[in-house]
Amino acid sequence: MQISLQKIGVHDNKVGREALIEHLEKISNDQTNIIEVNMNIFTYKELPNKPMGSYISVTRESFFMGPGGGVRLESVWKGNELLSVIIKEGKKHNGK
């Protein structure tokens, strides 16, 4: 992820982290960017009788711009909790 973000001019520093956090917070409640909703079922292996649990995850798609280009992100959320972010593709801006 770090290399992909560096390619668009977003670095692992305070400014870069704040920009990414701001973007993710902004898109976290946008109902127009949902591309998938899943019911996830799991087993509580540490509890007696190993009961089942479940939660709903929401996958959101967004475009994150840096000073040198942008990347398409897929982020997976459990309520307001960010579970994962995957960079799907990106384009470098060549100034033309």
Protein backbone atom coordinates (compact mmCIF):
# COMPACT_ATOMS: atom_id res chain seq x y z
CA MET A 1 0.00 0.00 0.00
CA GLN A 2 2.80 2.40 0.90
CA ILE A 3 4.47 2.05 -2.50
CA SER A 4 1.19 2.63 -4.36
CA LEU A 5 0.49 5.77 -2.34
CA GLN A 6 4.04 7.07 -2.83
CA LYS A 7 3.52 6.77 -6.60
CA ILE A 8 0.71 9.34 -6.36
CA GLY A 9 2.70 11.62 -4.04
CA VAL A 10 1.17 10.55 -0.71
CA HIS A 11 3.93 9.64 1.73
CA ASP A 12 4.03 7.87 5.10
CA ASN A 13 4.22 11.05 7.14
CA LYS A 14 1.80 13.19 9.15
CA VAL A 15 0.39 14.98 6.08
CA GLY A 16 -0.07 11.77 4.08
CA ARG A 17 -1.68 9.86 6.95
CA GLU A 18 -4.03 12.76 7.73
CA ALA A 19 -5.10 12.99 4.08
CA LEU A 20 -5.87 9.26 3.91
CA ILE A 21 -7.72 9.29 7.26
CA GLU A 22 -9.78 12.32 6.17
CA HIS A 23 -10.71 10.57 2.92
CA LEU A 24 -11.75 7.36 4.68
CA GLU A 25 -13.78 9.23 7.28
CA LYS A 26 -15.55 11.17 4.53
CA ILE A 27 -16.56 8.08 2.55
CA SER A 28 -17.45 5.90 5.56
CA ASN A 29 -21.08 7.09 5.69
CA ASP A 30 -21.66 7.76 1.99
CA GLN A 31 -24.47 5.46 0.85
CA THR A 32 -23.65 6.01 -2.85
CA ASN A 33 -20.27 4.22 -2.78
CA ILE A 34 -21.43 0.80 -1.50
CA ILE A 35 -20.52 -1.99 -3.91
CA GLU A 36 -21.16 -5.04 -1.70
CA VAL A 37 -22.85 -6.02 1.56
CA ASN A 38 -22.06 -9.38 3.20
CA MET A 39 -23.27 -11.31 6.22
CA ASN A 40 -20.19 -12.84 7.86
CA ILE A 41 -20.61 -15.83 10.16
CA PHE A 42 -17.89 -16.96 12.53
CA THR A 43 -17.32 -19.25 15.52
CA TYR A 44 -16.30 -18.02 18.96
CA LYS A 45 -13.61 -20.70 19.34
CA GLU A 46 -12.52 -19.42 22.76
CA LEU A 47 -16.00 -19.79 24.33
CA PRO A 48 -17.54 -23.00 25.70
CA ASN A 49 -19.68 -24.87 23.16
CA LYS A 50 -18.19 -22.65 20.42
CA PRO A 51 -21.27 -20.50 19.69
CA MET A 52 -21.74 -18.83 16.32
CA GLY A 53 -21.66 -15.07 15.76
CA SER A 54 -22.25 -12.84 12.78
CA TYR A 55 -21.80 -9.31 11.51
CA ILE A 56 -22.53 -7.36 8.37
CA SER A 57 -19.63 -5.96 6.36
CA VAL A 58 -19.97 -3.21 3.76
CA THR A 59 -17.48 -2.79 0.92
CA ARG A 60 -17.12 0.76 -0.37
CA GLU A 61 -15.36 2.01 -3.48
CA SER A 62 -13.71 5.42 -3.64
CA PHE A 63 -11.08 7.38 -5.54
CA PHE A 64 -8.26 8.90 -3.50
CA MET A 65 -6.30 11.73 -5.09
CA GLY A 66 -2.76 12.71 -4.23
CA PRO A 67 -0.67 15.52 -5.70
CA GLY A 68 0.73 13.15 -8.34
CA GLY A 69 -2.35 11.13 -9.33
CA GLY A 70 -5.02 8.95 -7.82
CA VAL A 71 -5.88 5.40 -6.80
CA ARG A 72 -9.13 3.46 -6.57
CA LEU A 73 -9.69 2.10 -3.07
CA GLU A 74 -11.94 -0.69 -1.84
CA SER A 75 -12.51 -0.39 1.88
CA VAL A 76 -14.38 -2.91 4.02
CA TRP A 77 -16.31 -1.70 7.06
CA LYS A 78 -18.06 -3.30 10.01
CA GLY A 79 -20.29 -0.46 11.11
CA ASN A 80 -17.89 2.45 11.65
CA GLU A 81 -14.89 0.13 12.08
CA LEU A 82 -12.51 -0.05 9.13
CA LEU A 83 -11.50 -3.68 8.53
CA SER A 84 -9.34 -3.40 5.41
CA VAL A 85 -8.29 -1.21 2.49
CA ILE A 86 -7.17 -2.53 -0.86
CA ILE A 87 -5.68 -0.38 -3.61
CA LYS A 88 -7.14 -1.68 -6.84
CA GLU A 89 -5.42 0.53 -9.41
CA GLY A 90 -3.87 3.91 -9.84
CA LYS A 91 -2.75 6.47 -12.35
CA LYS A 92 0.24 8.72 -12.12
CA HIS A 93 -0.28 12.32 -13.14
CA ASN A 94 2.45 13.43 -15.52
CA GLY A 95 1.60 17.13 -15.45
CA LYS A 96 0.19 17.30 -18.99
